[in-house]
Protein backbone atom coordinates (compact mmCIF):
# COMPACT_ATOMS: atom_id res chain seq x y z
CA UNK A 1 0.00 0.00 0.00
CA UNK A 2 1.37 3.37 -0.97
CA UNK A 3 1.93 5.78 1.91
CA UNK A 4 0.16 9.15 1.68
CA UNK A 5 2.45 12.08 1.07
CA UNK A 6 3.49 13.89 4.21
CA UNK A 7 4.19 17.59 4.25
CA UNK A 8 5.09 20.05 6.99
CA UNK A 9 1.77 21.93 6.94
CA UNK A 10 -0.22 18.72 7.20
CA UNK A 11 1.98 17.48 10.04
CA UNK A 12 1.49 20.72 12.01
CA UNK A 13 -2.27 20.66 11.47
CA UNK A 14 -2.39 17.02 12.56
CA UNK A 15 -0.37 17.82 15.69
CA UNK A 16 -2.74 20.67 16.59
CA UNK A 17 -5.76 18.44 16.01
CA UNK A 18 -4.26 15.73 18.25
CA UNK A 19 -3.66 18.33 20.97
CA UNK A 20 -7.32 19.41 20.70
CA UNK A 21 -8.50 15.78 20.91
CA UNK A 22 -6.41 15.27 24.07
CA UNK A 23 -8.14 18.22 25.74
CA UNK A 24 -11.62 17.03 24.66
CA UNK A 25 -11.53 13.34 25.57
CA UNK A 26 -14.77 11.39 25.91
CA UNK A 27 -15.71 9.87 29.26
CA UNK A 28 -14.71 6.40 27.99
CA UNK A 29 -11.32 7.73 26.83
CA UNK A 30 -10.75 9.37 30.22
CA UNK A 31 -11.62 6.12 31.99
CA UNK A 32 -9.27 4.00 29.88
CA UNK A 33 -6.51 6.60 30.04
CA UNK A 34 -6.69 6.51 33.85
CA UNK A 35 -5.91 2.76 33.61
CA UNK A 36 -3.14 2.99 30.98
CA UNK A 37 -1.22 6.13 31.91
CA UNK A 38 2.00 6.29 33.93
CA UNK A 39 3.14 2.84 32.82
CA UNK A 40 0.46 1.13 34.95
CA UNK A 41 -0.01 -1.73 32.53
CA UNK A 42 3.02 -4.00 32.21
CA UNK A 43 5.33 -1.05 32.82
CA UNK A 44 4.80 0.06 29.22
CA UNK A 45 4.22 3.60 28.11
CA UNK A 46 0.99 4.41 26.32
CA UNK A 47 0.39 7.70 24.55
CA UNK A 48 -3.03 9.18 23.87
CA UNK A 49 -4.11 10.79 20.61
CA UNK A 50 -0.81 9.83 18.99
CA UNK A 51 -0.07 10.59 15.35
CA UNK A 52 1.00 7.60 13.29
CA UNK A 53 1.51 8.32 9.62
CA UNK A 54 -1.58 10.10 8.30
CA UNK A 55 -3.72 9.10 11.30
CA UNK A 56 -4.33 10.05 14.92
CA UNK A 57 -4.99 7.00 17.09
CA UNK A 58 -6.70 7.01 20.49
CA UNK A 59 -3.99 5.13 22.41
CA UNK A 60 -0.67 3.71 21.29
CA UNK A 61 2.06 1.62 22.87
CA UNK A 62 5.05 1.89 20.55
CA UNK A 63 7.07 -0.79 22.33
CA UNK A 64 4.36 -3.40 21.73
CA UNK A 65 3.32 -1.90 18.36
CA UNK A 66 -0.23 -1.79 19.73
CA UNK A 67 -3.03 0.67 18.97
CA UNK A 68 -6.20 0.79 21.08
CA UNK A 69 -9.21 2.49 19.51
CA UNK A 70 -12.47 3.34 21.27
CA UNK A 71 -15.54 3.49 19.06
CA UNK A 72 -18.51 5.69 19.87
CA UNK A 73 -21.89 5.73 18.17
CA UNK A 74 -20.55 7.63 15.15
CA UNK A 75 -18.45 4.61 14.14
CA UNK A 76 -21.57 2.69 13.11
CA UNK A 77 -22.27 4.63 9.91
CA UNK A 78 -21.26 3.12 6.56
CA UNK A 79 -18.77 5.91 5.77
CA UNK A 80 -17.07 5.56 9.14
CA UNK A 81 -16.95 1.78 8.87
CA UNK A 82 -15.17 2.07 5.51
CA UNK A 83 -12.78 4.71 6.89
CA UNK A 84 -12.02 2.64 10.01
CA UNK A 85 -11.39 -0.46 7.86
CA UNK A 86 -8.94 1.39 5.60
CA UNK A 87 -7.26 2.96 8.62
CA UNK A 88 -6.90 -0.38 10.40
CA UNK A 89 -5.49 -1.95 7.23
CA UNK A 90 -2.91 0.85 6.89
CA UNK A 91 -1.87 0.58 10.55
CA UNK A 92 -1.64 -3.22 10.30
CA UNK A 93 0.52 -2.98 7.18
CA UNK A 94 2.73 -0.56 9.13
CA UNK A 95 3.28 -3.23 11.78
CA UNK A 96 0.70 -2.23 14.40
CA UNK A 97 -1.91 -4.46 15.94
CA UNK A 98 -5.21 -2.59 16.31
CA UNK A 99 -7.70 -3.38 19.08
CA UNK A 100 -11.17 -1.79 18.88
CA UNK A 101 -13.61 -1.52 21.76
CA UNK A 102 -17.01 0.16 21.93
CA UNK A 103 -17.15 2.99 24.49
CA UNK A 104 -19.77 1.03 26.42
CA UNK A 105 -17.34 -1.85 27.03
CA UNK A 106 -14.86 0.51 28.69
CA UNK A 107 -17.60 1.94 30.89
CA UNK A 108 -19.23 -1.40 31.84
CA UNK A 109 -16.35 -3.89 31.71
CA UNK A 110 -13.00 -2.07 32.06
CA UNK A 111 -11.27 -5.17 33.43
CA UNK A 112 -12.22 -7.20 30.33
CA UNK A 113 -10.82 -4.42 28.12
CA UNK A 114 -7.58 -4.36 30.14
CA UNK A 115 -7.33 -8.15 29.96
CA UNK A 116 -7.60 -7.98 26.15
CA UNK A 117 -4.96 -5.25 25.98
CA UNK A 118 -2.72 -7.33 28.27
CA UNK A 119 -3.14 -10.39 26.02
CA UNK A 120 -2.18 -8.33 22.97
CA UNK A 121 0.93 -7.05 24.78
CA UNK A 122 1.99 -10.60 25.69
CA UNK A 123 1.35 -11.81 22.13
CA UNK A 124 3.45 -8.94 20.76
CA UNK A 125 6.57 -10.51 22.30
CA UNK A 126 7.46 -7.11 23.74
CA UNK A 127 10.05 -7.58 26.52
CA UNK A 128 8.35 -7.24 29.92
CA UNK A 129 9.86 -6.81 33.38
CA UNK A 130 10.01 -10.24 35.03
CA UNK A 131 8.01 -9.11 38.05
CA UNK A 132 4.98 -8.14 35.95
CA UNK A 133 2.42 -10.87 35.40
CA UNK A 134 -1.34 -10.78 34.73
CA UNK A 135 -2.33 -10.94 38.44
CA UNK A 136 -0.87 -7.44 38.90
CA UNK A 137 -3.77 -6.18 36.77
CA UNK A 138 -6.45 -7.52 39.12
CA UNK A 139 -7.72 -5.13 41.72
CA UNK A 140 -6.83 -2.00 39.77
CA UNK A 141 -10.30 -1.51 38.30
CA UNK A 142 -12.15 -2.58 41.44
CA UNK A 143 -10.48 0.22 43.42
CA UNK A 144 -11.70 2.95 41.04
C-alpha atoms as a PDB file:
ATOM      1  CA  UNK A   1       0.000   0.000   0.000  1.00  0.00           C
ATOM      2  CA  UNK A   2       1.372   3.369  -0.966  1.00  0.00           C
ATOM      3  CA  UNK A   3       1.926   5.778   1.906  1.00  0.00           C
ATOM      4  CA  UNK A   4       0.156   9.147   1.678  1.00  0.00           C
ATOM      5  CA  UNK A   5       2.446  12.079   1.066  1.00  0.00           C
ATOM      6  CA  UNK A   6       3.486  13.886   4.205  1.00  0.00           C
ATOM      7  CA  UNK A   7       4.193  17.589   4.251  1.00  0.00           C
ATOM      8  CA  UNK A   8       5.088  20.053   6.991  1.00  0.00           C
ATOM      9  CA  UNK A   9       1.772  21.935   6.941  1.00  0.00           C
ATOM     10  CA  UNK A  10      -0.221  18.721   7.199  1.00  0.00           C
ATOM     11  CA  UNK A  11       1.984  17.479  10.041  1.00  0.00           C
ATOM     12  CA  UNK A  12       1.493  20.723  12.007  1.00  0.00           C
ATOM     13  CA  UNK A  13      -2.274  20.660  11.470  1.00  0.00           C
ATOM     14  CA  UNK A  14      -2.392  17.023  12.564  1.00  0.00           C
ATOM     15  CA  UNK A  15      -0.369  17.821  15.692  1.00  0.00           C
ATOM     16  CA  UNK A  16      -2.736  20.670  16.592  1.00  0.00           C
ATOM     17  CA  UNK A  17      -5.759  18.441  16.009  1.00  0.00           C
ATOM     18  CA  UNK A  18      -4.256  15.729  18.249  1.00  0.00           C
ATOM     19  CA  UNK A  19      -3.663  18.333  20.971  1.00  0.00           C
ATOM     20  CA  UNK A  20      -7.318  19.408  20.700  1.00  0.00           C
ATOM     21  CA  UNK A  21      -8.504  15.784  20.912  1.00  0.00           C
ATOM     22  CA  UNK A  22      -6.413  15.267  24.071  1.00  0.00           C
ATOM     23  CA  UNK A  23      -8.143  18.220  25.736  1.00  0.00           C
ATOM     24  CA  UNK A  24     -11.625  17.032  24.660  1.00  0.00           C
ATOM     25  CA  UNK A  25     -11.532  13.344  25.568  1.00  0.00           C
ATOM     26  CA  UNK A  26     -14.770  11.392  25.908  1.00  0.00           C
ATOM     27  CA  UNK A  27     -15.710   9.865  29.264  1.00  0.00           C
ATOM     28  CA  UNK A  28     -14.715   6.396  27.991  1.00  0.00           C
ATOM     29  CA  UNK A  29     -11.321   7.731  26.825  1.00  0.00           C
ATOM     30  CA  UNK A  30     -10.752   9.370  30.217  1.00  0.00           C
ATOM     31  CA  UNK A  31     -11.625   6.122  31.986  1.00  0.00           C
ATOM     32  CA  UNK A  32      -9.274   4.000  29.876  1.00  0.00           C
ATOM     33  CA  UNK A  33      -6.510   6.603  30.036  1.00  0.00           C
ATOM     34  CA  UNK A  34      -6.688   6.507  33.851  1.00  0.00           C
ATOM     35  CA  UNK A  35      -5.909   2.764  33.611  1.00  0.00           C
ATOM     36  CA  UNK A  36      -3.140   2.987  30.984  1.00  0.00           C
ATOM     37  CA  UNK A  37      -1.218   6.131  31.908  1.00  0.00           C
ATOM     38  CA  UNK A  38       1.996   6.294  33.934  1.00  0.00           C
ATOM     39  CA  UNK A  39       3.137   2.838  32.821  1.00  0.00           C
ATOM     40  CA  UNK A  40       0.463   1.131  34.955  1.00  0.00           C
ATOM     41  CA  UNK A  41      -0.007  -1.729  32.526  1.00  0.00           C
ATOM     42  CA  UNK A  42       3.018  -4.002  32.213  1.00  0.00           C
ATOM     43  CA  UNK A  43       5.333  -1.049  32.825  1.00  0.00           C
ATOM     44  CA  UNK A  44       4.800   0.061  29.224  1.00  0.00           C
ATOM     45  CA  UNK A  45       4.220   3.603  28.109  1.00  0.00           C
ATOM     46  CA  UNK A  46       0.992   4.413  26.319  1.00  0.00           C
ATOM     47  CA  UNK A  47       0.388   7.695  24.550  1.00  0.00           C
ATOM     48  CA  UNK A  48      -3.027   9.183  23.871  1.00  0.00           C
ATOM     49  CA  UNK A  49      -4.105  10.786  20.608  1.00  0.00           C
ATOM     50  CA  UNK A  50      -0.807   9.833  18.991  1.00  0.00           C
ATOM     51  CA  UNK A  51      -0.067  10.595  15.349  1.00  0.00           C
ATOM     52  CA  UNK A  52       1.000   7.598  13.287  1.00  0.00           C
ATOM     53  CA  UNK A  53       1.512   8.321   9.619  1.00  0.00           C
ATOM     54  CA  UNK A  54      -1.575  10.104   8.303  1.00  0.00           C
ATOM     55  CA  UNK A  55      -3.716   9.103  11.296  1.00  0.00           C
ATOM     56  CA  UNK A  56      -4.329  10.046  14.917  1.00  0.00           C
ATOM     57  CA  UNK A  57      -4.985   7.003  17.092  1.00  0.00           C
ATOM     58  CA  UNK A  58      -6.705   7.013  20.494  1.00  0.00           C
ATOM     59  CA  UNK A  59      -3.994   5.125  22.410  1.00  0.00           C
ATOM     60  CA  UNK A  60      -0.667   3.705  21.291  1.00  0.00           C
ATOM     61  CA  UNK A  61       2.059   1.620  22.872  1.00  0.00           C
ATOM     62  CA  UNK A  62       5.046   1.895  20.545  1.00  0.00           C
ATOM     63  CA  UNK A  63       7.072  -0.785  22.334  1.00  0.00           C
ATOM     64  CA  UNK A  64       4.364  -3.398  21.731  1.00  0.00           C
ATOM     65  CA  UNK A  65       3.320  -1.898  18.356  1.00  0.00           C
ATOM     66  CA  UNK A  66      -0.227  -1.789  19.728  1.00  0.00           C
ATOM     67  CA  UNK A  67      -3.030   0.669  18.972  1.00  0.00           C
ATOM     68  CA  UNK A  68      -6.200   0.786  21.079  1.00  0.00           C
ATOM     69  CA  UNK A  69      -9.213   2.489  19.511  1.00  0.00           C
ATOM     70  CA  UNK A  70     -12.475   3.336  21.270  1.00  0.00           C
ATOM     71  CA  UNK A  71     -15.535   3.494  19.062  1.00  0.00           C
ATOM     72  CA  UNK A  72     -18.511   5.687  19.875  1.00  0.00           C
ATOM     73  CA  UNK A  73     -21.889   5.730  18.169  1.00  0.00           C
ATOM     74  CA  UNK A  74     -20.554   7.631  15.153  1.00  0.00           C
ATOM     75  CA  UNK A  75     -18.453   4.614  14.138  1.00  0.00           C
ATOM     76  CA  UNK A  76     -21.572   2.689  13.110  1.00  0.00           C
ATOM     77  CA  UNK A  77     -22.269   4.631   9.906  1.00  0.00           C
ATOM     78  CA  UNK A  78     -21.256   3.123   6.557  1.00  0.00           C
ATOM     79  CA  UNK A  79     -18.772   5.908   5.774  1.00  0.00           C
ATOM     80  CA  UNK A  80     -17.067   5.562   9.144  1.00  0.00           C
ATOM     81  CA  UNK A  81     -16.951   1.781   8.875  1.00  0.00           C
ATOM     82  CA  UNK A  82     -15.165   2.069   5.515  1.00  0.00           C
ATOM     83  CA  UNK A  83     -12.784   4.712   6.895  1.00  0.00           C
ATOM     84  CA  UNK A  84     -12.016   2.636  10.008  1.00  0.00           C
ATOM     85  CA  UNK A  85     -11.394  -0.456   7.858  1.00  0.00           C
ATOM     86  CA  UNK A  86      -8.939   1.385   5.605  1.00  0.00           C
ATOM     87  CA  UNK A  87      -7.258   2.963   8.623  1.00  0.00           C
ATOM     88  CA  UNK A  88      -6.902  -0.383  10.403  1.00  0.00           C
ATOM     89  CA  UNK A  89      -5.495  -1.948   7.235  1.00  0.00           C
ATOM     90  CA  UNK A  90      -2.905   0.850   6.892  1.00  0.00           C
ATOM     91  CA  UNK A  91      -1.873   0.578  10.554  1.00  0.00           C
ATOM     92  CA  UNK A  92      -1.635  -3.223  10.300  1.00  0.00           C
ATOM     93  CA  UNK A  93       0.522  -2.983   7.182  1.00  0.00           C
ATOM     94  CA  UNK A  94       2.726  -0.557   9.131  1.00  0.00           C
ATOM     95  CA  UNK A  95       3.282  -3.234  11.784  1.00  0.00           C
ATOM     96  CA  UNK A  96       0.701  -2.233  14.398  1.00  0.00           C
ATOM     97  CA  UNK A  97      -1.912  -4.459  15.938  1.00  0.00           C
ATOM     98  CA  UNK A  98      -5.208  -2.593  16.310  1.00  0.00           C
ATOM     99  CA  UNK A  99      -7.695  -3.381  19.079  1.00  0.00           C
ATOM    100  CA  UNK A 100     -11.167  -1.794  18.884  1.00  0.00           C
ATOM    101  CA  UNK A 101     -13.605  -1.518  21.761  1.00  0.00           C
ATOM    102  CA  UNK A 102     -17.011   0.164  21.927  1.00  0.00           C
ATOM    103  CA  UNK A 103     -17.151   2.990  24.486  1.00  0.00           C
ATOM    104  CA  UNK A 104     -19.770   1.026  26.421  1.00  0.00           C
ATOM    105  CA  UNK A 105     -17.342  -1.850  27.026  1.00  0.00           C
ATOM    106  CA  UNK A 106     -14.864   0.511  28.690  1.00  0.00           C
ATOM    107  CA  UNK A 107     -17.598   1.943  30.891  1.00  0.00           C
ATOM    108  CA  UNK A 108     -19.230  -1.398  31.844  1.00  0.00           C
ATOM    109  CA  UNK A 109     -16.346  -3.886  31.714  1.00  0.00           C
ATOM    110  CA  UNK A 110     -13.002  -2.074  32.062  1.00  0.00           C
ATOM    111  CA  UNK A 111     -11.266  -5.173  33.430  1.00  0.00           C
ATOM    112  CA  UNK A 112     -12.216  -7.198  30.333  1.00  0.00           C
ATOM    113  CA  UNK A 113     -10.816  -4.421  28.124  1.00  0.00           C
ATOM    114  CA  UNK A 114      -7.576  -4.358  30.142  1.00  0.00           C
ATOM    115  CA  UNK A 115      -7.328  -8.152  29.958  1.00  0.00           C
ATOM    116  CA  UNK A 116      -7.604  -7.980  26.149  1.00  0.00           C
ATOM    117  CA  UNK A 117      -4.961  -5.249  25.985  1.00  0.00           C
ATOM    118  CA  UNK A 118      -2.718  -7.331  28.267  1.00  0.00           C
ATOM    119  CA  UNK A 119      -3.140 -10.394  26.022  1.00  0.00           C
ATOM    120  CA  UNK A 120      -2.175  -8.330  22.972  1.00  0.00           C
ATOM    121  CA  UNK A 121       0.933  -7.055  24.776  1.00  0.00           C
ATOM    122  CA  UNK A 122       1.988 -10.602  25.694  1.00  0.00           C
ATOM    123  CA  UNK A 123       1.349 -11.808  22.130  1.00  0.00           C
ATOM    124  CA  UNK A 124       3.451  -8.941  20.760  1.00  0.00           C
ATOM    125  CA  UNK A 125       6.573 -10.507  22.298  1.00  0.00           C
ATOM    126  CA  UNK A 126       7.458  -7.111  23.736  1.00  0.00           C
ATOM    127  CA  UNK A 127      10.047  -7.576  26.522  1.00  0.00           C
ATOM    128  CA  UNK A 128       8.350  -7.242  29.922  1.00  0.00           C
ATOM    129  CA  UNK A 129       9.858  -6.806  33.376  1.00  0.00           C
ATOM    130  CA  UNK A 130      10.007 -10.243  35.028  1.00  0.00           C
ATOM    131  CA  UNK A 131       8.008  -9.113  38.052  1.00  0.00           C
ATOM    132  CA  UNK A 132       4.979  -8.144  35.952  1.00  0.00           C
ATOM    133  CA  UNK A 133       2.420 -10.872  35.398  1.00  0.00           C
ATOM    134  CA  UNK A 134      -1.344 -10.777  34.731  1.00  0.00           C
ATOM    135  CA  UNK A 135      -2.330 -10.936  38.440  1.00  0.00           C
ATOM    136  CA  UNK A 136      -0.870  -7.435  38.901  1.00  0.00           C
ATOM    137  CA  UNK A 137      -3.766  -6.176  36.770  1.00  0.00           C
ATOM    138  CA  UNK A 138      -6.449  -7.524  39.123  1.00  0.00           C
ATOM    139  CA  UNK A 139      -7.724  -5.127  41.715  1.00  0.00           C
ATOM    140  CA  UNK A 140      -6.827  -1.998  39.768  1.00  0.00           C
ATOM    141  CA  UNK A 141     -10.299  -1.512  38.297  1.00  0.00           C
ATOM    142  CA  UNK A 142     -12.154  -2.585  41.444  1.00  0.00           C
ATOM    143  CA  UNK A 143     -10.482   0.223  43.420  1.00  0.00           C
ATOM    144  CA  UNK A 144     -11.695   2.951  41.042  1.00  0.00           C
END
